[in-house]
């Protein structure tokens, strides 16, 4: 018998996207016995629970899908945990948990590919899918852990420096084959039950962003490997569920993104290293702004980013995680 699987989707005011995601899962769960899908609504207040529940009933998905309402919107990690806790406490908890974004839909065979990838990998605690655009263009979804040099390179955005620092950059070249990586995108992330039992659930101190990086780091420190599995293909409509698109420099970045970054560095590496990471980010950012000014080009960064970063960085917040 195949490992029992539970899929968790957290919704906040995107019921139509969730229904599309569930529709893409219909054939998948039919081929994997015992699969259940739980949608957690983070107090959307827009009728999401009724719309999603109505679709589950009208489409005949009630045998494998359900929706539950969270009492408050405490973020992505808390929303996932609201489903994970009772599942883990059940008499027969699933062997694997797939955390799936509401702004995704799965290609045929995506779930089975992830489960098959675990067969000969007893060290695999977390596996991630290949994320892609609707036309099949791959998106970055396999990464190294964030480091000081990576923070500098990410903000400098200079090709020559990126090439020189390539062994330390966060975003990996998109792998063609399955491989071990540091962390994978939480948009489609399969987690072994034993990982949650050993290292705990998602850290609810993160409202949104960095919670999957934190989980992968805790798993790695506990001896679990993280794998990228490109045979599992998932379409990710970037930013549709959060309203945050990192490639869009015209919109201000919500404070919680920078707050999550700060928490990640202070919590996992200590205040001194967090400060060095902040200084590296700041140096890269200021050098890029100076370069763009000399070239007469737009800065290419979100409005108010520098001021927001200083407010939410170690310089502004001190040692508070």
C-alpha atoms as a PDB file:
ATOM      1  CA  UNK A   1       0.000   0.000   0.000  1.00  0.00           C
ATOM      2  CA  UNK A   2       1.258   3.478  -0.843  1.00  0.00           C
ATOM      3  CA  UNK A   3       2.019   5.907   1.981  1.00  0.00           C
ATOM      4  CA  UNK A   4      -1.078   7.689   3.239  1.00  0.00           C
ATOM      5  CA  UNK A   5      -1.079  11.315   2.134  1.00  0.00           C
ATOM      6  CA  UNK A   6      -2.762  14.472   3.410  1.00  0.00           C
ATOM      7  CA  UNK A   7      -2.776  17.695   1.383  1.00  0.00           C
ATOM      8  CA  UNK A   8      -3.174  21.007   3.214  1.00  0.00           C
ATOM      9  CA  UNK A   9      -4.203  24.222   1.416  1.00  0.00           C
ATOM     10  CA  UNK A  10      -4.486  27.546   3.243  1.00  0.00           C
ATOM     11  CA  UNK A  11      -6.921  30.044   1.754  1.00  0.00           C
ATOM     12  CA  UNK A  12      -7.268  33.760   2.284  1.00  0.00           C
ATOM     13  CA  UNK A  13      -9.810  35.386  -0.026  1.00  0.00           C
ATOM     14  CA  UNK A  14      -8.962  33.275  -3.084  1.00  0.00           C
ATOM     15  CA  UNK A  15     -11.834  30.750  -3.209  1.00  0.00           C
ATOM     16  CA  UNK A  16     -11.859  30.523  -7.014  1.00  0.00           C
ATOM     17  CA  UNK A  17      -8.169  29.621  -7.053  1.00  0.00           C
ATOM     18  CA  UNK A  18      -8.727  26.974  -4.376  1.00  0.00           C
ATOM     19  CA  UNK A  19     -11.551  25.401  -6.362  1.00  0.00           C
ATOM     20  CA  UNK A  20      -9.311  25.261  -9.454  1.00  0.00           C
ATOM     21  CA  UNK A  21      -6.576  23.663  -7.345  1.00  0.00           C
ATOM     22  CA  UNK A  22      -9.010  21.079  -5.981  1.00  0.00           C
ATOM     23  CA  UNK A  23     -10.193  20.312  -9.496  1.00  0.00           C
ATOM     24  CA  UNK A  24      -6.620  19.574 -10.555  1.00  0.00           C
ATOM     25  CA  UNK A  25      -6.257  17.245  -7.563  1.00  0.00           C
ATOM     26  CA  UNK A  26      -9.337  15.169  -8.353  1.00  0.00           C
ATOM     27  CA  UNK A  27      -7.627  12.665 -10.652  1.00  0.00           C
ATOM     28  CA  UNK A  28      -4.507  12.676  -8.495  1.00  0.00           C
ATOM     29  CA  UNK A  29      -6.206  11.594  -5.284  1.00  0.00           C
ATOM     30  CA  UNK A  30      -8.196   8.957  -7.143  1.00  0.00           C
ATOM     31  CA  UNK A  31      -4.899   7.222  -7.931  1.00  0.00           C
ATOM     32  CA  UNK A  32      -3.485   7.416  -4.395  1.00  0.00           C
ATOM     33  CA  UNK A  33      -5.595   5.459  -1.935  1.00  0.00           C
ATOM     34  CA  UNK A  34      -6.430   7.153   1.338  1.00  0.00           C
ATOM     35  CA  UNK A  35      -5.520  10.680   0.288  1.00  0.00           C
ATOM     36  CA  UNK A  36      -7.369  13.490   2.018  1.00  0.00           C
ATOM     37  CA  UNK A  37      -7.295  17.215   1.242  1.00  0.00           C
ATOM     38  CA  UNK A  38      -7.988  19.823   3.922  1.00  0.00           C
ATOM     39  CA  UNK A  39      -8.580  23.476   3.057  1.00  0.00           C
ATOM     40  CA  UNK A  40      -8.108  25.906   5.937  1.00  0.00           C
ATOM     41  CA  UNK A  41      -9.737  29.295   5.523  1.00  0.00           C
ATOM     42  CA  UNK A  42      -7.871  32.013   7.416  1.00  0.00           C
ATOM     43  CA  UNK A  43     -10.930  34.060   8.354  1.00  0.00           C
ATOM     44  CA  UNK A  44     -11.335  35.479   4.852  1.00  0.00           C
ATOM     45  CA  UNK A  45     -14.688  37.062   5.656  1.00  0.00           C
ATOM     46  CA  UNK A  46     -15.689  36.975   1.991  1.00  0.00           C
ATOM     47  CA  UNK A  47     -17.766  33.809   1.848  1.00  0.00           C
ATOM     48  CA  UNK A  48     -14.773  31.618   0.980  1.00  0.00           C
ATOM     49  CA  UNK A  49     -15.848  28.800   3.297  1.00  0.00           C
ATOM     50  CA  UNK A  50     -19.296  28.680   1.708  1.00  0.00           C
ATOM     51  CA  UNK A  51     -17.954  28.892  -1.854  1.00  0.00           C
ATOM     52  CA  UNK A  52     -15.321  26.207  -1.362  1.00  0.00           C
ATOM     53  CA  UNK A  53     -17.674  24.002   0.621  1.00  0.00           C
ATOM     54  CA  UNK A  54     -20.337  24.430  -2.057  1.00  0.00           C
ATOM     55  CA  UNK A  55     -17.905  23.363  -4.769  1.00  0.00           C
ATOM     56  CA  UNK A  56     -16.860  20.305  -2.756  1.00  0.00           C
ATOM     57  CA  UNK A  57     -20.507  19.289  -2.486  1.00  0.00           C
ATOM     58  CA  UNK A  58     -21.564  20.064  -6.053  1.00  0.00           C
ATOM     59  CA  UNK A  59     -18.504  18.428  -7.615  1.00  0.00           C
ATOM     60  CA  UNK A  60     -18.791  15.296  -5.487  1.00  0.00           C
ATOM     61  CA  UNK A  61     -15.408  15.798  -3.784  1.00  0.00           C
ATOM     62  CA  UNK A  62     -16.723  15.206  -0.263  1.00  0.00           C
ATOM     63  CA  UNK A  63     -15.095  11.788  -0.017  1.00  0.00           C
ATOM     64  CA  UNK A  64     -11.616  13.275  -0.034  1.00  0.00           C
ATOM     65  CA  UNK A  65     -11.854  17.059   0.452  1.00  0.00           C
ATOM     66  CA  UNK A  66     -13.061  19.240   3.311  1.00  0.00           C
ATOM     67  CA  UNK A  67     -12.878  22.882   4.386  1.00  0.00           C
ATOM     68  CA  UNK A  68     -12.473  24.247   7.894  1.00  0.00           C
ATOM     69  CA  UNK A  69     -12.625  27.799   9.185  1.00  0.00           C
ATOM     70  CA  UNK A  70      -9.779  29.147  11.300  1.00  0.00           C
ATOM     71  CA  UNK A  71     -10.882  31.470  14.146  1.00  0.00           C
ATOM     72  CA  UNK A  72      -8.421  34.182  13.030  1.00  0.00           C
ATOM     73  CA  UNK A  73      -5.931  35.000  10.316  1.00  0.00           C
ATOM     74  CA  UNK A  74      -2.649  34.319  12.084  1.00  0.00           C
ATOM     75  CA  UNK A  75      -0.673  33.691   8.916  1.00  0.00           C
ATOM     76  CA  UNK A  76       0.370  30.895   6.591  1.00  0.00           C
ATOM     77  CA  UNK A  77       2.217  28.815   9.184  1.00  0.00           C
ATOM     78  CA  UNK A  78      -0.664  29.001  11.665  1.00  0.00           C
ATOM     79  CA  UNK A  79      -3.167  28.143   8.948  1.00  0.00           C
ATOM     80  CA  UNK A  80      -1.251  25.009   7.973  1.00  0.00           C
ATOM     81  CA  UNK A  81      -0.786  24.028  11.594  1.00  0.00           C
ATOM     82  CA  UNK A  82      -4.541  24.276  12.175  1.00  0.00           C
ATOM     83  CA  UNK A  83      -4.909  21.277   9.867  1.00  0.00           C
ATOM     84  CA  UNK A  84      -1.646  19.523  10.726  1.00  0.00           C
ATOM     85  CA  UNK A  85      -2.262  19.266  14.487  1.00  0.00           C
ATOM     86  CA  UNK A  86      -5.466  17.203  14.342  1.00  0.00           C
ATOM     87  CA  UNK A  87      -4.133  15.104  11.478  1.00  0.00           C
ATOM     88  CA  UNK A  88      -0.991  14.244  13.416  1.00  0.00           C
ATOM     89  CA  UNK A  89      -3.037  13.503  16.540  1.00  0.00           C
ATOM     90  CA  UNK A  90      -5.447  11.180  14.732  1.00  0.00           C
ATOM     91  CA  UNK A  91      -5.342   7.428  15.448  1.00  0.00           C
ATOM     92  CA  UNK A  92      -3.811   6.738  12.017  1.00  0.00           C
ATOM     93  CA  UNK A  93      -1.898   9.864  10.999  1.00  0.00           C
ATOM     94  CA  UNK A  94      -0.789  10.221   7.384  1.00  0.00           C
ATOM     95  CA  UNK A  95       2.763   9.264   6.484  1.00  0.00           C
ATOM     96  CA  UNK A  96       3.237  12.355   4.329  1.00  0.00           C
ATOM     97  CA  UNK A  97       1.851  15.885   4.243  1.00  0.00           C
ATOM     98  CA  UNK A  98       1.798  18.001   1.098  1.00  0.00           C
ATOM     99  CA  UNK A  99       1.662  21.743   1.795  1.00  0.00           C
ATOM    100  CA  UNK A 100       0.161  23.260  -1.336  1.00  0.00           C
ATOM    101  CA  UNK A 101      -0.464  26.908  -2.164  1.00  0.00           C
ATOM    102  CA  UNK A 102      -3.971  27.959  -3.201  1.00  0.00           C
ATOM    103  CA  UNK A 103      -2.498  29.694  -6.279  1.00  0.00           C
ATOM    104  CA  UNK A 104      -1.282  26.403  -7.736  1.00  0.00           C
ATOM    105  CA  UNK A 105      -2.689  23.604  -9.803  1.00  0.00           C
ATOM    106  CA  UNK A 106      -0.956  20.285 -10.287  1.00  0.00           C
ATOM    107  CA  UNK A 107       0.057  18.657 -13.546  1.00  0.00           C
ATOM    108  CA  UNK A 108      -0.994  14.998 -14.016  1.00  0.00           C
ATOM    109  CA  UNK A 109       1.134  12.663 -11.905  1.00  0.00           C
ATOM    110  CA  UNK A 110       2.604  15.422  -9.720  1.00  0.00           C
ATOM    111  CA  UNK A 111       1.614  13.870  -6.386  1.00  0.00           C
ATOM    112  CA  UNK A 112       2.522  10.336  -7.393  1.00  0.00           C
ATOM    113  CA  UNK A 113       5.951  11.505  -8.581  1.00  0.00           C
ATOM    114  CA  UNK A 114       6.672  12.979  -5.155  1.00  0.00           C
ATOM    115  CA  UNK A 115       5.605   9.822  -3.347  1.00  0.00           C
ATOM    116  CA  UNK A 116       7.543   7.567  -5.717  1.00  0.00           C
ATOM    117  CA  UNK A 117      10.622   9.702  -5.142  1.00  0.00           C
ATOM    118  CA  UNK A 118      10.529   8.780  -1.450  1.00  0.00           C
ATOM    119  CA  UNK A 119      10.709   5.041  -2.100  1.00  0.00           C
ATOM    120  CA  UNK A 120      14.486   4.673  -2.201  1.00  0.00           C
ATOM    121  CA  UNK A 121      15.335   7.745  -0.132  1.00  0.00           C
ATOM    122  CA  UNK A 122      14.960   6.923   3.556  1.00  0.00           C
ATOM    123  CA  UNK A 123      16.840  10.136   4.375  1.00  0.00           C
ATOM    124  CA  UNK A 124      14.287  12.296   2.541  1.00  0.00           C
ATOM    125  CA  UNK A 125      12.345  14.339   5.060  1.00  0.00           C
ATOM    126  CA  UNK A 126      11.142  17.043   2.668  1.00  0.00           C
ATOM    127  CA  UNK A 127      10.629  17.024  -1.101  1.00  0.00           C
ATOM    128  CA  UNK A 128       9.649  19.867  -3.415  1.00  0.00           C
ATOM    129  CA  UNK A 129       8.061  20.037  -6.834  1.00  0.00           C
ATOM    130  CA  UNK A 130       9.215  21.776  -9.971  1.00  0.00           C
ATOM    131  CA  UNK A 131       7.175  24.980 -10.085  1.00  0.00           C
ATOM    132  CA  UNK A 132       6.359  26.467 -13.446  1.00  0.00           C
ATOM    133  CA  UNK A 133       4.342  29.029 -15.348  1.00  0.00           C
ATOM    134  CA  UNK A 134       1.147  27.938 -17.126  1.00  0.00           C
ATOM    135  CA  UNK A 135       3.150  27.727 -20.380  1.00  0.00           C
ATOM    136  CA  UNK A 136       5.645  25.367 -18.759  1.00  0.00           C
ATOM    137  CA  UNK A 137       8.441  27.869 -18.141  1.00  0.00           C
ATOM    138  CA  UNK A 138      10.189  26.740 -14.941  1.00  0.00           C
ATOM    139  CA  UNK A 139      10.315  28.943 -11.861  1.00  0.00           C
ATOM    140  CA  UNK A 140      13.086  28.889  -9.256  1.00  0.00           C
ATOM    141  CA  UNK A 141      12.019  26.387  -6.609  1.00  0.00           C
ATOM    142  CA  UNK A 142      15.268  24.853  -5.310  1.00  0.00           C
ATOM    143  CA  UNK A 143      17.566  26.894  -3.090  1.00  0.00           C
ATOM    144  CA  UNK A 144      20.555  27.193  -0.771  1.00  0.00           C
ATOM    145  CA  UNK A 145      20.090  28.526   2.728  1.00  0.00           C
ATOM    146  CA  UNK A 146      20.374  32.289   3.006  1.00  0.00           C
ATOM    147  CA  UNK A 147      23.850  33.531   3.836  1.00  0.00           C
ATOM    148  CA  UNK A 148      25.748  36.778   4.181  1.00  0.00           C
ATOM    149  CA  UNK A 149      27.267  36.761   0.684  1.00  0.00           C
ATOM    150  CA  UNK A 150      23.915  35.764  -0.785  1.00  0.00           C
ATOM    151  CA  UNK A 151      22.252  38.783   0.830  1.00  0.00           C
ATOM    152  CA  UNK A 152      24.874  41.065  -0.743  1.00  0.00           C
ATOM    153  CA  UNK A 153      24.534  39.502  -4.200  1.00  0.00           C
ATOM    154  CA  UNK A 154      20.737  39.476  -4.118  1.00  0.00           C
ATOM    155  CA  UNK A 155      20.557  43.235  -3.687  1.00  0.00           C
ATOM    156  CA  UNK A 156      23.528  44.189  -5.860  1.00  0.00           C
ATOM    157  CA  UNK A 157      22.096  42.380  -8.923  1.00  0.00           C
ATOM    158  CA  UNK A 158      25.310  42.569 -10.932  1.00  0.00           C
ATOM    159  CA  UNK A 159      25.926  39.652 -13.280  1.00  0.00           C
ATOM    160  CA  UNK A 160      29.699  39.601 -12.836  1.00  0.00           C
ATOM    161  CA  UNK A 161      29.411  39.491  -9.040  1.00  0.00           C
ATOM    162  CA  UNK A 162      26.622  36.916  -9.225  1.00  0.00           C
ATOM    163  CA  UNK A 163      28.898  34.674 -11.278  1.00  0.00           C
ATOM    164  CA  UNK A 164      31.762  35.061  -8.812  1.00  0.00           C
ATOM    165  CA  UNK A 165      29.499  34.362  -5.841  1.00  0.00           C
ATOM    166  CA  UNK A 166      27.533  31.554  -7.502  1.00  0.00           C
ATOM    167  CA  UNK A 167      28.625  28.919  -4.919  1.00  0.00           C
ATOM    168  CA  UNK A 168      26.906  30.981  -2.211  1.00  0.00           C
ATOM    169  CA  UNK A 169      23.849  32.475  -3.918  1.00  0.00           C
ATOM    170  CA  UNK A 170      20.433  31.460  -2.635  1.00  0.00           C
ATOM    171  CA  UNK A 171      18.696  30.655  -5.937  1.00  0.00           C
ATOM    172  CA  UNK A 172      20.069  27.561  -7.659  1.00  0.00           C
ATOM    173  CA  UNK A 173      20.182  27.082 -11.401  1.00  0.00           C
ATOM    174  CA  UNK A 174      17.034  25.085 -12.131  1.00  0.00           C
ATOM    175  CA  UNK A 175      18.080  21.430 -11.842  1.00  0.00           C
ATOM    176  CA  UNK A 176      17.139  19.093 -14.674  1.00  0.00           C
ATOM    177  CA  UNK A 177      17.241  16.027 -12.430  1.00  0.00           C
ATOM    178  CA  UNK A 178      16.327  15.192  -8.870  1.00  0.00           C
ATOM    179  CA  UNK A 179      18.938  16.383  -6.398  1.00  0.00           C
ATOM    180  CA  UNK A 180      19.513  17.234  -2.771  1.00  0.00           C
ATOM    181  CA  UNK A 181      19.118  20.932  -2.001  1.00  0.00           C
ATOM    182  CA  UNK A 182      18.975  23.052   1.141  1.00  0.00           C
ATOM    183  CA  UNK A 183      15.327  24.048   0.846  1.00  0.00           C
ATOM    184  CA  UNK A 184      12.413  23.991  -1.553  1.00  0.00           C
ATOM    185  CA  UNK A 185       9.506  26.331  -2.124  1.00  0.00           C
ATOM    186  CA  UNK A 186       6.583  25.958   0.258  1.00  0.00           C
ATOM    187  CA  UNK A 187       4.194  26.354  -2.674  1.00  0.00           C
ATOM    188  CA  UNK A 188       4.390  22.563  -3.115  1.00  0.00           C
ATOM    189  CA  UNK A 189       6.337  20.866  -0.352  1.00  0.00           C
ATOM    190  CA  UNK A 190       5.982  17.256   0.814  1.00  0.00           C
ATOM    191  CA  UNK A 191       6.928  16.642   4.456  1.00  0.00           C
ATOM    192  CA  UNK A 192       7.430  13.297   6.178  1.00  0.00           C
ATOM    193  CA  UNK A 193       5.354  12.811   9.336  1.00  0.00           C
ATOM    194  CA  UNK A 194       8.461  12.011  11.374  1.00  0.00           C
ATOM    195  CA  UNK A 195       9.921  15.426  10.536  1.00  0.00           C
ATOM    196  CA  UNK A 196       7.006  17.210  12.184  1.00  0.00           C
ATOM    197  CA  UNK A 197       7.134  14.800  15.122  1.00  0.00           C
ATOM    198  CA  UNK A 198      10.861  15.412  15.592  1.00  0.00           C
ATOM    199  CA  UNK A 199      11.336  19.133  14.914  1.00  0.00           C
ATOM    200  CA  UNK A 200       7.825  20.498  15.428  1.00  0.00           C
ATOM    201  CA  UNK A 201       5.315  22.182  13.174  1.00  0.00           C
ATOM    202  CA  UNK A 202       5.744  25.376  11.173  1.00  0.00           C
ATOM    203  CA  UNK A 203       6.893  28.315  13.299  1.00  0.00           C
ATOM    204  CA  UNK A 204       3.867  30.568  13.791  1.00  0.00           C
ATOM    205  CA  UNK A 205       6.180  33.473  14.562  1.00  0.00           C
ATOM    206  CA  UNK A 206       6.343  33.914  10.788  1.00  0.00           C
ATOM    207  CA  UNK A 207       3.191  35.470   9.393  1.00  0.00           C
ATOM    208  CA  UNK A 208       4.178  34.794   5.784  1.00  0.00           C
ATOM    209  CA  UNK A 209       7.488  33.940   4.055  1.00  0.00           C
ATOM    210  CA  UNK A 210      10.553  32.146   5.417  1.00  0.00           C
ATOM    211  CA  UNK A 211       8.476  29.584   7.315  1.00  0.00           C
ATOM    212  CA  UNK A 212       9.383  26.851   4.825  1.00  0.00           C
ATOM    213  CA  UNK A 213      13.078  27.835   4.911  1.00  0.00           C
ATOM    214  CA  UNK A 214      12.983  27.640   8.704  1.00  0.00           C
ATOM    215  CA  UNK A 215      11.358  24.189   8.599  1.00  0.00           C
ATOM    216  CA  UNK A 216      13.900  22.868   6.072  1.00  0.00           C
ATOM    217  CA  UNK A 217      16.766  24.202   8.209  1.00  0.00           C
ATOM    218  CA  UNK A 218      15.402  22.577  11.365  1.00  0.00           C
ATOM    219  CA  UNK A 219      14.938  19.309   9.456  1.00  0.00           C
ATOM    220  CA  UNK A 220      18.492  19.482   8.079  1.00  0.00           C
ATOM    221  CA  UNK A 221      19.909  20.057  11.554  1.00  0.00           C
ATOM    222  CA  UNK A 222      17.992  16.969  12.697  1.00  0.00           C
ATOM    223  CA  UNK A 223      19.588  14.877   9.934  1.00  0.00           C
ATOM    224  CA  UNK A 224      16.852  14.901   7.274  1.00  0.00           C
ATOM    225  CA  UNK A 225      17.632  15.541   3.604  1.00  0.00           C
ATOM    226  CA  UNK A 226      15.658  17.862   1.342  1.00  0.00           C
ATOM    227  CA  UNK A 227      15.132  16.818  -2.279  1.00  0.00           C
ATOM    228  CA  UNK A 228      14.003  18.647  -5.397  1.00  0.00           C
ATOM    229  CA  UNK A 229      11.901  16.393  -7.650  1.00  0.00           C
ATOM    230  CA  UNK A 230      11.340  17.848 -11.158  1.00  0.00           C
ATOM    231  CA  UNK A 231       9.059  14.989 -12.252  1.00  0.00           C
ATOM    232  CA  UNK A 232       6.458  16.534  -9.962  1.00  0.00           C
ATOM    233  CA  UNK A 233       5.273  19.549 -11.952  1.00  0.00           C
ATOM    234  CA  UNK A 234       3.061  22.182 -10.358  1.00  0.00           C
ATOM    235  CA  UNK A 235       1.865  25.416 -11.933  1.00  0.00           C
ATOM    236  CA  UNK A 236       2.361  28.356  -9.585  1.00  0.00           C
ATOM    237  CA  UNK A 237       0.504  31.604 -10.279  1.00  0.00           C
ATOM    238  CA  UNK A 238       3.041  33.735  -8.421  1.00  0.00           C
ATOM    239  CA  UNK A 239       1.569  36.334  -6.104  1.00  0.00           C
ATOM    240  CA  UNK A 240      -2.068  35.501  -6.791  1.00  0.00           C
ATOM    241  CA  UNK A 241      -2.706  34.247  -3.251  1.00  0.00           C
ATOM    242  CA  UNK A 242      -0.622  36.820  -1.358  1.00  0.00           C
ATOM    243  CA  UNK A 243      -0.619  39.912  -3.562  1.00  0.00           C
ATOM    244  CA  UNK A 244       3.190  39.902  -3.305  1.00  0.00           C
ATOM    245  CA  UNK A 245       5.203  39.421  -6.485  1.00  0.00           C
ATOM    246  CA  UNK A 246       8.972  39.791  -5.911  1.00  0.00           C
ATOM    247  CA  UNK A 247       9.482  40.739  -9.556  1.00  0.00           C
ATOM    248  CA  UNK A 248       7.078  43.706  -9.330  1.00  0.00           C
ATOM    249  CA  UNK A 249       9.097  46.746  -8.211  1.00  0.00           C
ATOM    250  CA  UNK A 250       6.112  49.081  -8.456  1.00  0.00           C
ATOM    251  CA  UNK A 251       4.450  47.923  -5.223  1.00  0.00           C
ATOM    252  CA  UNK A 252       5.668  48.338  -1.660  1.00  0.00           C
ATOM    253  CA  UNK A 253       6.741  45.170   0.118  1.00  0.00           C
ATOM    254  CA  UNK A 254       4.477  44.328   3.098  1.00  0.00           C
ATOM    255  CA  UNK A 255       6.241  44.715   6.468  1.00  0.00           C
ATOM    256  CA  UNK A 256       5.739  41.040   7.324  1.00  0.00           C
ATOM    257  CA  UNK A 257       8.145  39.988   4.536  1.00  0.00           C
ATOM    258  CA  UNK A 258      11.041  41.893   6.126  1.00  0.00           C
ATOM    259  CA  UNK A 259       9.916  40.909   9.624  1.00  0.00           C
ATOM    260  CA  UNK A 260      10.070  37.249   8.603  1.00  0.00           C
ATOM    261  CA  UNK A 261      13.543  37.716   7.132  1.00  0.00           C
ATOM    262  CA  UNK A 262      14.739  39.307  10.370  1.00  0.00           C
ATOM    263  CA  UNK A 263      13.226  36.551  12.493  1.00  0.00           C
ATOM    264  CA  UNK A 264      14.858  33.867  10.354  1.00  0.00           C
ATOM    265  CA  UNK A 265      18.373  35.238  10.755  1.00  0.00           C
ATOM    266  CA  UNK A 266      18.168  36.118  14.463  1.00  0.00           C
ATOM    267  CA  UNK A 267      16.413  32.899  15.460  1.00  0.00           C
ATOM    268  CA  UNK A 268      18.639  30.534  13.503  1.00  0.00           C
ATOM    269  CA  UNK A 269      22.037  32.239  13.441  1.00  0.00           C
ATOM    270  CA  UNK A 270      22.119  34.727  16.292  1.00  0.00           C
ATOM    271  CA  UNK A 271      22.259  38.481  16.532  1.00  0.00           C
ATOM    272  CA  UNK A 272      25.835  38.957  15.294  1.00  0.00           C
ATOM    273  CA  UNK A 273      25.320  37.012  12.072  1.00  0.00           C
ATOM    274  CA  UNK A 274      21.957  38.668  11.528  1.00  0.00           C
ATOM    275  CA  UNK A 275      23.680  42.039  11.774  1.00  0.00           C
ATOM    276  CA  UNK A 276      26.324  40.988   9.227  1.00  0.00           C
ATOM    277  CA  UNK A 277      23.576  39.772   6.875  1.00  0.00           C
ATOM    278  CA  UNK A 278      21.795  43.113   7.244  1.00  0.00           C
ATOM    279  CA  UNK A 279      24.976  45.056   6.521  1.00  0.00           C
ATOM    280  CA  UNK A 280      25.651  42.882   3.455  1.00  0.00           C
ATOM    281  CA  UNK A 281      22.100  43.498   2.177  1.00  0.00           C
ATOM    282  CA  UNK A 282      22.458  47.208   2.832  1.00  0.00           C
ATOM    283  CA  UNK A 283      25.817  47.423   1.029  1.00  0.00           C
ATOM    284  CA  UNK A 284      24.443  45.621  -2.004  1.00  0.00           C
ATOM    285  CA  UNK A 285      21.332  47.754  -2.072  1.00  0.00           C
ATOM    286  CA  UNK A 286      23.168  51.068  -1.796  1.00  0.00           C
ATOM    287  CA  UNK A 287      25.744  50.086  -4.406  1.00  0.00           C
ATOM    288  CA  UNK A 288      22.965  49.114  -6.813  1.00  0.00           C
ATOM    289  CA  UNK A 289      21.174  52.423  -6.251  1.00  0.00           C
ATOM    290  CA  UNK A 290      24.411  54.316  -6.901  1.00  0.00           C
ATOM    291  CA  UNK A 291      25.050  52.303 -10.062  1.00  0.00           C
ATOM    292  CA  UNK A 292      21.542  52.902 -11.364  1.00  0.00           C
ATOM    293  CA  UNK A 293      21.876  56.621 -10.646  1.00  0.00           C
ATOM    294  CA  UNK A 294      25.150  56.814 -12.583  1.00  0.00           C
ATOM    295  CA  UNK A 295      23.574  54.981 -15.506  1.00  0.00           C
ATOM    296  CA  UNK A 296      20.461  57.145 -15.407  1.00  0.00           C
ATOM    297  CA  UNK A 297      18.208  54.135 -14.893  1.00  0.00           C
ATOM    298  CA  UNK A 298      15.331  53.472 -12.476  1.00  0.00           C
ATOM    299  CA  UNK A 299      16.402  51.968  -9.169  1.00  0.00           C
ATOM    300  CA  UNK A 300      14.273  48.889  -9.742  1.00  0.00           C
ATOM    301  CA  UNK A 301      13.348  48.426  -6.084  1.00  0.00           C
ATOM    302  CA  UNK A 302       9.992  48.627  -4.361  1.00  0.00           C
ATOM    303  CA  UNK A 303       8.863  52.023  -3.063  1.00  0.00           C
ATOM    304  CA  UNK A 304      10.080  52.727   0.458  1.00  0.00           C
ATOM    305  CA  UNK A 305      12.116  49.519   0.569  1.00  0.00           C
ATOM    306  CA  UNK A 306      15.232  51.003   2.151  1.00  0.00           C
ATOM    307  CA  UNK A 307      13.323  52.758   4.923  1.00  0.00           C
ATOM    308  CA  UNK A 308      11.228  49.651   5.601  1.00  0.00           C
ATOM    309  CA  UNK A 309      14.332  47.459   5.663  1.00  0.00           C
ATOM    310  CA  UNK A 310      16.102  49.690   8.170  1.00  0.00           C
ATOM    311  CA  UNK A 311      13.016  49.692  10.390  1.00  0.00           C
ATOM    312  CA  UNK A 312      12.655  45.895  10.345  1.00  0.00           C
ATOM    313  CA  UNK A 313      16.355  44.981  10.375  1.00  0.00           C
ATOM    314  CA  UNK A 314      18.646  44.231  13.286  1.00  0.00           C
ATOM    315  CA  UNK A 315      19.608  47.903  13.210  1.00  0.00           C
ATOM    316  CA  UNK A 316      16.015  48.922  13.850  1.00  0.00           C
ATOM    317  CA  UNK A 317      14.706  46.032  15.931  1.00  0.00           C
ATOM    318  CA  UNK A 318      17.791  44.984  17.884  1.00  0.00           C
ATOM    319  CA  UNK A 319      17.793  41.391  19.018  1.00  0.00           C
ATOM    320  CA  UNK A 320      14.024  40.930  18.892  1.00  0.00           C
ATOM    321  CA  UNK A 321      13.142  37.989  16.632  1.00  0.00           C
END
